[in-house]
């Protein structure tokens, strides 16, 4: 497995003097995307941006960890064997 993640900028919008920065996280294995999710960072110039970024990082990491578990199950040899068996033992 060559699991990778990419975090990209999606948009920046202004609302009531604050900025809403939207980022996208995508998790892939060998070039196949298995999960993607957008996250929004509400930026207020009066707040400590480092605190907000840390909260965002924790949410992103939880999502990434969940997708990695899903990929592990998806790529498990027993699941491959089960699918092969089901294809061989079902009829039209």
PDB file of N, CA and C in Angstrom:
ATOM      1  N   UNK A   1       0.823  -1.184   0.000  1.00  0.00           N
ATOM      2  CA  UNK A   1       0.000   0.000   0.000  1.00  0.00           C
ATOM      3  C   UNK A   1       0.869   1.249   0.000  1.00  0.00           C
ATOM      4  N   UNK A   2       0.478   2.207  -0.785  1.00  0.00           N
ATOM      5  CA  UNK A   2       1.131   3.518  -0.803  1.00  0.00           C
ATOM      6  C   UNK A   2       0.073   4.562  -0.488  1.00  0.00           C
ATOM      7  N   UNK A   3      -0.334   4.599   0.773  1.00  0.00           N
ATOM      8  CA  UNK A   3      -1.389   5.518   1.175  1.00  0.00           C
ATOM      9  C   UNK A   3      -0.816   6.925   1.281  1.00  0.00           C
ATOM     10  N   UNK A   4      -1.522   7.863   0.655  1.00  0.00           N
ATOM     11  CA  UNK A   4      -1.109   9.263   0.690  1.00  0.00           C
ATOM     12  C   UNK A   4      -2.298  10.132   1.046  1.00  0.00           C
ATOM     13  N   UNK A   5      -2.007  11.335   1.480  1.00  0.00           N
ATOM     14  CA  UNK A   5      -3.066  12.306   1.733  1.00  0.00           C
ATOM     15  C   UNK A   5      -2.659  13.615   1.097  1.00  0.00           C
ATOM     16  N   UNK A   6      -3.671  14.372   0.701  1.00  0.00           N
ATOM     17  CA  UNK A   6      -3.431  15.693   0.122  1.00  0.00           C
ATOM     18  C   UNK A   6      -4.426  16.667   0.732  1.00  0.00           C
ATOM     19  N   UNK A   7      -3.917  17.792   1.193  1.00  0.00           N
ATOM     20  CA  UNK A   7      -4.761  18.849   1.719  1.00  0.00           C
ATOM     21  C   UNK A   7      -4.638  20.033   0.761  1.00  0.00           C
ATOM     22  N   UNK A   8      -5.789  20.471   0.241  1.00  0.00           N
ATOM     23  CA  UNK A   8      -5.790  21.556  -0.728  1.00  0.00           C
ATOM     24  C   UNK A   8      -6.769  22.655  -0.303  1.00  0.00           C
ATOM     25  N   UNK A   9      -6.504  23.851  -0.784  1.00  0.00           N
ATOM     26  CA  UNK A   9      -7.390  24.979  -0.522  1.00  0.00           C
ATOM     27  C   UNK A   9      -8.578  24.910  -1.478  1.00  0.00           C
ATOM     28  N   UNK A  10      -9.767  25.179  -0.941  1.00  0.00           N
ATOM     29  CA  UNK A  10     -10.978  25.182  -1.756  1.00  0.00           C
ATOM     30  C   UNK A  10     -11.497  26.602  -1.946  1.00  0.00           C
ATOM     31  N   UNK A  11     -11.670  27.322  -0.839  1.00  0.00           N
ATOM     32  CA  UNK A  11     -12.212  28.674  -0.965  1.00  0.00           C
ATOM     33  C   UNK A  11     -11.957  29.487   0.295  1.00  0.00           C
ATOM     34  N   UNK A  12     -12.114  30.796   0.133  1.00  0.00           N
ATOM     35  CA  UNK A  12     -12.095  31.729   1.249  1.00  0.00           C
ATOM     36  C   UNK A  12     -13.291  32.648   1.057  1.00  0.00           C
ATOM     37  N   UNK A  13     -14.144  32.694   2.066  1.00  0.00           N
ATOM     38  CA  UNK A  13     -15.334  33.541   1.989  1.00  0.00           C
ATOM     39  C   UNK A  13     -15.409  34.411   3.224  1.00  0.00           C
ATOM     40  N   UNK A  14     -15.972  35.584   3.048  1.00  0.00           N
ATOM     41  CA  UNK A  14     -16.117  36.503   4.167  1.00  0.00           C
ATOM     42  C   UNK A  14     -17.552  36.483   4.665  1.00  0.00           C
ATOM     43  N   UNK A  15     -17.689  36.498   5.988  1.00  0.00           N
ATOM     44  CA  UNK A  15     -19.005  36.515   6.608  1.00  0.00           C
ATOM     45  C   UNK A  15     -18.912  37.278   7.915  1.00  0.00           C
ATOM     46  N   UNK A  16     -19.626  38.362   8.007  1.00  0.00           N
ATOM     47  CA  UNK A  16     -19.648  39.192   9.228  1.00  0.00           C
ATOM     48  C   UNK A  16     -18.251  39.616   9.671  1.00  0.00           C
ATOM     49  N   UNK A  17     -17.402  39.925   8.732  1.00  0.00           N
ATOM     50  CA  UNK A  17     -16.048  40.361   9.066  1.00  0.00           C
ATOM     51  C   UNK A  17     -15.076  39.242   9.337  1.00  0.00           C
ATOM     52  N   UNK A  18     -15.554  38.009   9.389  1.00  0.00           N
ATOM     53  CA  UNK A  18     -14.679  36.852   9.587  1.00  0.00           C
ATOM     54  C   UNK A  18     -14.409  36.190   8.243  1.00  0.00           C
ATOM     55  N   UNK A  19     -13.389  35.384   8.194  1.00  0.00           N
ATOM     56  CA  UNK A  19     -13.063  34.618   6.996  1.00  0.00           C
ATOM     57  C   UNK A  19     -13.358  33.144   7.251  1.00  0.00           C
ATOM     58  N   UNK A  20     -13.993  32.498   6.305  1.00  0.00           N
ATOM     59  CA  UNK A  20     -14.225  31.060   6.356  1.00  0.00           C
ATOM     60  C   UNK A  20     -13.333  30.429   5.295  1.00  0.00           C
ATOM     61  N   UNK A  21     -12.308  29.741   5.734  1.00  0.00           N
ATOM     62  CA  UNK A  21     -11.360  29.098   4.830  1.00  0.00           C
ATOM     63  C   UNK A  21     -11.740  27.623   4.733  1.00  0.00           C
ATOM     64  N   UNK A  22     -12.045  27.170   3.518  1.00  0.00           N
ATOM     65  CA  UNK A  22     -12.427  25.779   3.311  1.00  0.00           C
ATOM     66  C   UNK A  22     -11.261  25.028   2.688  1.00  0.00           C
ATOM     67  N   UNK A  23     -10.942  23.885   3.300  1.00  0.00           N
ATOM     68  CA  UNK A  23      -9.857  23.019   2.838  1.00  0.00           C
ATOM     69  C   UNK A  23     -10.424  21.637   2.545  1.00  0.00           C
ATOM     70  N   UNK A  24      -9.788  20.921   1.647  1.00  0.00           N
ATOM     71  CA  UNK A  24     -10.213  19.563   1.282  1.00  0.00           C
ATOM     72  C   UNK A  24      -9.090  18.591   1.603  1.00  0.00           C
ATOM     73  N   UNK A  25      -9.458  17.499   2.254  1.00  0.00           N
ATOM     74  CA  UNK A  25      -8.511  16.426   2.542  1.00  0.00           C
ATOM     75  C   UNK A  25      -8.916  15.226   1.699  1.00  0.00           C
ATOM     76  N   UNK A  26      -7.967  14.673   0.964  1.00  0.00           N
ATOM     77  CA  UNK A  26      -8.217  13.470   0.172  1.00  0.00           C
ATOM     78  C   UNK A  26      -7.190  12.412   0.565  1.00  0.00           C
ATOM     79  N   UNK A  27      -7.670  11.178   0.753  1.00  0.00           N
ATOM     80  CA  UNK A  27      -6.798  10.068   1.111  1.00  0.00           C
ATOM     81  C   UNK A  27      -6.853   9.044  -0.021  1.00  0.00           C
ATOM     82  N   UNK A  28      -5.685   8.672  -0.525  1.00  0.00           N
ATOM     83  CA  UNK A  28      -5.597   7.767  -1.671  1.00  0.00           C
ATOM     84  C   UNK A  28      -4.665   6.611  -1.371  1.00  0.00           C
ATOM     85  N   UNK A  29      -4.858   5.545  -2.133  1.00  0.00           N
ATOM     86  CA  UNK A  29      -3.960   4.391  -2.081  1.00  0.00           C
ATOM     87  C   UNK A  29      -3.634   4.014  -3.515  1.00  0.00           C
ATOM     88  N   UNK A  30      -2.374   4.091  -3.857  1.00  0.00           N
ATOM     89  CA  UNK A  30      -1.920   3.795  -5.222  1.00  0.00           C
ATOM     90  C   UNK A  30      -2.692   4.599  -6.261  1.00  0.00           C
ATOM     91  N   UNK A  31      -2.946   5.865  -5.951  1.00  0.00           N
ATOM     92  CA  UNK A  31      -3.602   6.751  -6.893  1.00  0.00           C
ATOM     93  C   UNK A  31      -5.114   6.673  -6.919  1.00  0.00           C
ATOM     94  N   UNK A  32      -5.717   5.772  -6.142  1.00  0.00           N
ATOM     95  CA  UNK A  32      -7.168   5.645  -6.082  1.00  0.00           C
ATOM     96  C   UNK A  32      -7.657   6.361  -4.826  1.00  0.00           C
ATOM     97  N   UNK A  33      -8.533   7.340  -5.017  1.00  0.00           N
ATOM     98  CA  UNK A  33      -9.053   8.097  -3.878  1.00  0.00           C
ATOM     99  C   UNK A  33     -10.116   7.282  -3.143  1.00  0.00           C
ATOM    100  N   UNK A  34      -9.903   7.075  -1.848  1.00  0.00           N
ATOM    101  CA  UNK A  34     -10.828   6.294  -1.033  1.00  0.00           C
ATOM    102  C   UNK A  34     -11.689   7.169  -0.131  1.00  0.00           C
ATOM    103  N   UNK A  35     -11.274   8.375   0.125  1.00  0.00           N
ATOM    104  CA  UNK A  35     -12.069   9.255   0.970  1.00  0.00           C
ATOM    105  C   UNK A  35     -11.637  10.696   0.792  1.00  0.00           C
ATOM    106  N   UNK A  36     -12.622  11.589   0.829  1.00  0.00           N
ATOM    107  CA  UNK A  36     -12.335  13.017   0.745  1.00  0.00           C
ATOM    108  C   UNK A  36     -13.383  13.747   1.557  1.00  0.00           C
ATOM    109  N   UNK A  37     -12.955  14.830   2.171  1.00  0.00           N
ATOM    110  CA  UNK A  37     -13.866  15.603   3.001  1.00  0.00           C
ATOM    111  C   UNK A  37     -13.393  17.048   3.046  1.00  0.00           C
ATOM    112  N   UNK A  38     -14.346  17.971   3.100  1.00  0.00           N
ATOM    113  CA  UNK A  38     -13.968  19.373   3.243  1.00  0.00           C
ATOM    114  C   UNK A  38     -14.132  19.792   4.702  1.00  0.00           C
ATOM    115  N   UNK A  39     -13.260  20.685   5.113  1.00  0.00           N
ATOM    116  CA  UNK A  39     -13.254  21.222   6.463  1.00  0.00           C
ATOM    117  C   UNK A  39     -13.188  22.739   6.359  1.00  0.00           C
ATOM    118  N   UNK A  40     -13.856  23.412   7.277  1.00  0.00           N
ATOM    119  CA  UNK A  40     -13.852  24.867   7.265  1.00  0.00           C
ATOM    120  C   UNK A  40     -13.191  25.407   8.526  1.00  0.00           C
ATOM    121  N   UNK A  41     -12.294  26.329   8.314  1.00  0.00           N
ATOM    122  CA  UNK A  41     -11.612  27.025   9.400  1.00  0.00           C
ATOM    123  C   UNK A  41     -12.196  28.425   9.457  1.00  0.00           C
ATOM    124  N   UNK A  42     -12.874  28.721  10.555  1.00  0.00           N
ATOM    125  CA  UNK A  42     -13.430  30.057  10.732  1.00  0.00           C
ATOM    126  C   UNK A  42     -12.360  30.931  11.363  1.00  0.00           C
ATOM    127  N   UNK A  43     -11.914  31.902  10.596  1.00  0.00           N
ATOM    128  CA  UNK A  43     -10.827  32.767  11.041  1.00  0.00           C
ATOM    129  C   UNK A  43     -11.361  34.124  11.461  1.00  0.00           C
ATOM    130  N   UNK A  44     -11.115  34.455  12.686  1.00  0.00           N
ATOM    131  CA  UNK A  44     -11.475  35.749  13.249  1.00  0.00           C
ATOM    132  C   UNK A  44     -10.173  36.392  13.696  1.00  0.00           C
ATOM    133  N   UNK A  45      -9.900  37.606  13.236  1.00  0.00           N
ATOM    134  CA  UNK A  45      -8.624  38.250  13.541  1.00  0.00           C
ATOM    135  C   UNK A  45      -8.397  38.427  15.043  1.00  0.00           C
ATOM    136  N   UNK A  46      -9.471  38.372  15.834  1.00  0.00           N
ATOM    137  CA  UNK A  46      -9.338  38.521  17.277  1.00  0.00           C
ATOM    138  C   UNK A  46      -9.015  37.210  17.989  1.00  0.00           C
ATOM    139  N   UNK A  47      -9.062  36.093  17.267  1.00  0.00           N
ATOM    140  CA  UNK A  47      -8.763  34.784  17.851  1.00  0.00           C
ATOM    141  C   UNK A  47      -7.323  34.393  17.546  1.00  0.00           C
ATOM    142  N   UNK A  48      -6.812  33.484  18.341  1.00  0.00           N
ATOM    143  CA  UNK A  48      -5.484  32.929  18.109  1.00  0.00           C
ATOM    144  C   UNK A  48      -5.597  31.881  17.001  1.00  0.00           C
ATOM    145  N   UNK A  49      -5.088  32.185  15.822  1.00  0.00           N
ATOM    146  CA  UNK A  49      -5.223  31.290  14.669  1.00  0.00           C
ATOM    147  C   UNK A  49      -4.565  29.939  14.922  1.00  0.00           C
ATOM    148  N   UNK A  50      -3.506  29.895  15.713  1.00  0.00           N
ATOM    149  CA  UNK A  50      -2.829  28.626  15.993  1.00  0.00           C
ATOM    150  C   UNK A  50      -3.742  27.656  16.727  1.00  0.00           C
ATOM    151  N   UNK A  51      -4.559  28.175  17.629  1.00  0.00           N
ATOM    152  CA  UNK A  51      -5.510  27.327  18.352  1.00  0.00           C
ATOM    153  C   UNK A  51      -6.533  26.754  17.382  1.00  0.00           C
ATOM    154  N   UNK A  52      -7.033  27.586  16.490  1.00  0.00           N
ATOM    155  CA  UNK A  52      -8.031  27.139  15.516  1.00  0.00           C
ATOM    156  C   UNK A  52      -7.442  26.116  14.535  1.00  0.00           C
ATOM    157  N   UNK A  53      -6.212  26.337  14.106  1.00  0.00           N
ATOM    158  CA  UNK A  53      -5.554  25.404  13.186  1.00  0.00           C
ATOM    159  C   UNK A  53      -5.331  24.057  13.875  1.00  0.00           C
ATOM    160  N   UNK A  54      -4.978  24.074  15.140  1.00  0.00           N
ATOM    161  CA  UNK A  54      -4.767  22.821  15.888  1.00  0.00           C
ATOM    162  C   UNK A  54      -6.066  22.025  15.986  1.00  0.00           C
ATOM    163  N   UNK A  55      -7.180  22.717  16.245  1.00  0.00           N
ATOM    164  CA  UNK A  55      -8.476  22.044  16.293  1.00  0.00           C
ATOM    165  C   UNK A  55      -8.802  21.417  14.938  1.00  0.00           C
ATOM    166  N   UNK A  56      -8.523  22.159  13.879  1.00  0.00           N
ATOM    167  CA  UNK A  56      -8.768  21.666  12.530  1.00  0.00           C
ATOM    168  C   UNK A  56      -7.898  20.453  12.225  1.00  0.00           C
ATOM    169  N   UNK A  57      -6.643  20.513  12.635  1.00  0.00           N
ATOM    170  CA  UNK A  57      -5.722  19.387  12.409  1.00  0.00           C
ATOM    171  C   UNK A  57      -6.229  18.133  13.109  1.00  0.00           C
ATOM    172  N   UNK A  58      -6.761  18.270  14.307  1.00  0.00           N
ATOM    173  CA  UNK A  58      -7.280  17.105  15.040  1.00  0.00           C
ATOM    174  C   UNK A  58      -8.466  16.480  14.299  1.00  0.00           C
ATOM    175  N   UNK A  59      -9.364  17.325  13.774  1.00  0.00           N
ATOM    176  CA  UNK A  59     -10.508  16.805  13.012  1.00  0.00           C
ATOM    177  C   UNK A  59     -10.044  16.114  11.742  1.00  0.00           C
ATOM    178  N   UNK A  60      -9.078  16.726  11.040  1.00  0.00           N
ATOM    179  CA  UNK A  60      -8.558  16.130   9.809  1.00  0.00           C
ATOM    180  C   UNK A  60      -7.871  14.803  10.097  1.00  0.00           C
ATOM    181  N   UNK A  61      -7.091  14.761  11.159  1.00  0.00           N
ATOM    182  CA  UNK A  61      -6.367  13.530  11.483  1.00  0.00           C
ATOM    183  C   UNK A  61      -7.327  12.399  11.809  1.00  0.00           C
ATOM    184  N   UNK A  62      -8.417  12.707  12.513  1.00  0.00           N
ATOM    185  CA  UNK A  62      -9.419  11.684  12.820  1.00  0.00           C
ATOM    186  C   UNK A  62     -10.007  11.121  11.526  1.00  0.00           C
ATOM    187  N   UNK A  63     -10.346  11.999  10.594  1.00  0.00           N
ATOM    188  CA  UNK A  63     -10.878  11.559   9.307  1.00  0.00           C
ATOM    189  C   UNK A  63      -9.864  10.688   8.560  1.00  0.00           C
ATOM    190  N   UNK A  64      -8.607  11.149   8.501  1.00  0.00           N
ATOM    191  CA  UNK A  64      -7.560  10.400   7.801  1.00  0.00           C
ATOM    192  C   UNK A  64      -7.400   9.013   8.421  1.00  0.00           C
ATOM    193  N   UNK A  65      -7.365   8.941   9.742  1.00  0.00           N
ATOM    194  CA  UNK A  65      -7.218   7.649  10.430  1.00  0.00           C
ATOM    195  C   UNK A  65      -8.366   6.709  10.096  1.00  0.00           C
ATOM    196  N   UNK A  66      -9.592   7.235  10.040  1.00  0.00           N
ATOM    197  CA  UNK A  66     -10.751   6.405   9.698  1.00  0.00           C
ATOM    198  C   UNK A  66     -10.649   5.864   8.279  1.00  0.00           C
ATOM    199  N   UNK A  67     -10.221   6.689   7.344  1.00  0.00           N
ATOM    200  CA  UNK A  67     -10.095   6.243   5.959  1.00  0.00           C
ATOM    201  C   UNK A  67      -8.992   5.188   5.827  1.00  0.00           C
ATOM    202  N   UNK A  68      -7.898   5.368   6.547  1.00  0.00           N
ATOM    203  CA  UNK A  68      -6.809   4.377   6.491  1.00  0.00           C
ATOM    204  C   UNK A  68      -7.299   3.020   6.981  1.00  0.00           C
ATOM    205  N   UNK A  69      -8.112   3.001   8.036  1.00  0.00           N
ATOM    206  CA  UNK A  69      -8.683   1.735   8.519  1.00  0.00           C
ATOM    207  C   UNK A  69      -9.556   1.127   7.428  1.00  0.00           C
ATOM    208  N   UNK A  70     -10.384   1.945   6.785  1.00  0.00           N
ATOM    209  CA  UNK A  70     -11.238   1.446   5.695  1.00  0.00           C
ATOM    210  C   UNK A  70     -10.407   0.851   4.563  1.00  0.00           C
ATOM    211  N   UNK A  71      -9.334   1.513   4.201  1.00  0.00           N
ATOM    212  CA  UNK A  71      -8.461   1.019   3.135  1.00  0.00           C
ATOM    213  C   UNK A  71      -7.856  -0.318   3.536  1.00  0.00           C
ATOM    214  N   UNK A  72      -7.453  -0.433   4.781  1.00  0.00           N
ATOM    215  CA  UNK A  72      -6.858  -1.678   5.267  1.00  0.00           C
ATOM    216  C   UNK A  72      -7.840  -2.836   5.134  1.00  0.00           C
ATOM    217  N   UNK A  73      -9.086  -2.599   5.527  1.00  0.00           N
ATOM    218  CA  UNK A  73     -10.105  -3.649   5.375  1.00  0.00           C
ATOM    219  C   UNK A  73     -10.365  -3.944   3.901  1.00  0.00           C
ATOM    220  N   UNK A  74     -10.460  -2.902   3.094  1.00  0.00           N
ATOM    221  CA  UNK A  74     -10.744  -3.071   1.670  1.00  0.00           C
ATOM    222  C   UNK A  74      -9.671  -3.914   0.988  1.00  0.00           C
ATOM    223  N   UNK A  75      -8.420  -3.710   1.379  1.00  0.00           N
ATOM    224  CA  UNK A  75      -7.311  -4.408   0.734  1.00  0.00           C
ATOM    225  C   UNK A  75      -6.964  -5.736   1.390  1.00  0.00           C
ATOM    226  N   UNK A  76      -7.714  -6.157   2.385  1.00  0.00           N
ATOM    227  CA  UNK A  76      -7.396  -7.390   3.100  1.00  0.00           C
ATOM    228  C   UNK A  76      -7.624  -8.612   2.206  1.00  0.00           C
ATOM    229  N   UNK A  77      -6.709  -9.549   2.272  1.00  0.00           N
ATOM    230  CA  UNK A  77      -6.772 -10.752   1.434  1.00  0.00           C
ATOM    231  C   UNK A  77      -8.039 -11.559   1.681  1.00  0.00           C
ATOM    232  N   UNK A  78      -8.538 -11.589   2.901  1.00  0.00           N
ATOM    233  CA  UNK A  78      -9.757 -12.354   3.188  1.00  0.00           C
ATOM    234  C   UNK A  78     -10.957 -11.764   2.453  1.00  0.00           C
ATOM    235  N   UNK A  79     -11.020 -10.460   2.320  1.00  0.00           N
ATOM    236  CA  UNK A  79     -12.112  -9.849   1.567  1.00  0.00           C
ATOM    237  C   UNK A  79     -11.983 -10.205   0.098  1.00  0.00           C
ATOM    238  N   UNK A  80     -10.763 -10.189  -0.434  1.00  0.00           N
ATOM    239  CA  UNK A  80     -10.547 -10.602  -1.822  1.00  0.00           C
ATOM    240  C   UNK A  80     -10.999 -12.038  -2.035  1.00  0.00           C
ATOM    241  N   UNK A  81     -10.652 -12.910  -1.096  1.00  0.00           N
ATOM    242  CA  UNK A  81     -11.053 -14.322  -1.187  1.00  0.00           C
ATOM    243  C   UNK A  81     -12.569 -14.468  -1.136  1.00  0.00           C
ATOM    244  N   UNK A  82     -13.211 -13.697  -0.264  1.00  0.00           N
ATOM    245  CA  UNK A  82     -14.669 -13.765  -0.158  1.00  0.00           C
ATOM    246  C   UNK A  82     -15.338 -13.317  -1.447  1.00  0.00           C
ATOM    247  N   UNK A  83     -14.845 -12.253  -2.043  1.00  0.00           N
ATOM    248  CA  UNK A  83     -15.424 -11.767  -3.299  1.00  0.00           C
ATOM    249  C   UNK A  83     -15.214 -12.793  -4.416  1.00  0.00           C
ATOM    250  N   UNK A  84     -14.039 -13.376  -4.477  1.00  0.00           N
ATOM    251  CA  UNK A  84     -13.765 -14.413  -5.479  1.00  0.00           C
ATOM    252  C   UNK A  84     -14.710 -15.593  -5.297  1.00  0.00           C
ATOM    253  N   UNK A  85     -14.880 -16.034  -4.061  1.00  0.00           N
ATOM    254  CA  UNK A  85     -15.767 -17.166  -3.774  1.00  0.00           C
ATOM    255  C   UNK A  85     -17.206 -16.825  -4.157  1.00  0.00           C
ATOM    256  N   UNK A  86     -17.662 -15.624  -3.785  1.00  0.00           N
ATOM    257  CA  UNK A  86     -19.027 -15.228  -4.117  1.00  0.00           C
ATOM    258  C   UNK A  86     -19.245 -15.177  -5.629  1.00  0.00           C
ATOM    259  N   UNK A  87     -18.269 -14.653  -6.359  1.00  0.00           N
ATOM    260  CA  UNK A  87     -18.392 -14.635  -7.824  1.00  0.00           C
ATOM    261  C   UNK A  87     -18.444 -16.025  -8.399  1.00  0.00           C
ATOM    262  N   UNK A  88     -17.695 -16.955  -7.829  1.00  0.00           N
ATOM    263  CA  UNK A  88     -17.674 -18.325  -8.334  1.00  0.00           C
ATOM    264  C   UNK A  88     -18.917 -19.118  -7.940  1.00  0.00           C
ATOM    265  N   UNK A  89     -19.593 -18.693  -6.887  1.00  0.00           N
ATOM    266  CA  UNK A  89     -20.711 -19.488  -6.361  1.00  0.00           C
ATOM    267  C   UNK A  89     -22.071 -18.807  -6.455  1.00  0.00           C
ATOM    268  N   UNK A  90     -22.176 -17.834  -7.305  1.00  0.00           N
ATOM    269  CA  UNK A  90     -23.480 -17.231  -7.570  1.00  0.00           C
ATOM    270  C   UNK A  90     -23.762 -17.344  -9.069  1.00  0.00           C
ATOM    271  N   UNK A  91     -25.028 -17.361  -9.390  1.00  0.00           N
ATOM    272  CA  UNK A  91     -25.395 -17.532 -10.812  1.00  0.00           C
ATOM    273  C   UNK A  91     -26.414 -16.475 -11.221  1.00  0.00           C
ATOM    274  N   UNK A  92     -26.549 -16.344 -12.503  1.00  0.00           N
ATOM    275  CA  UNK A  92     -27.551 -15.427 -13.067  1.00  0.00           C
ATOM    276  C   UNK A  92     -28.762 -16.227 -13.438  1.00  0.00           C
TER     277      UNK A  92
END
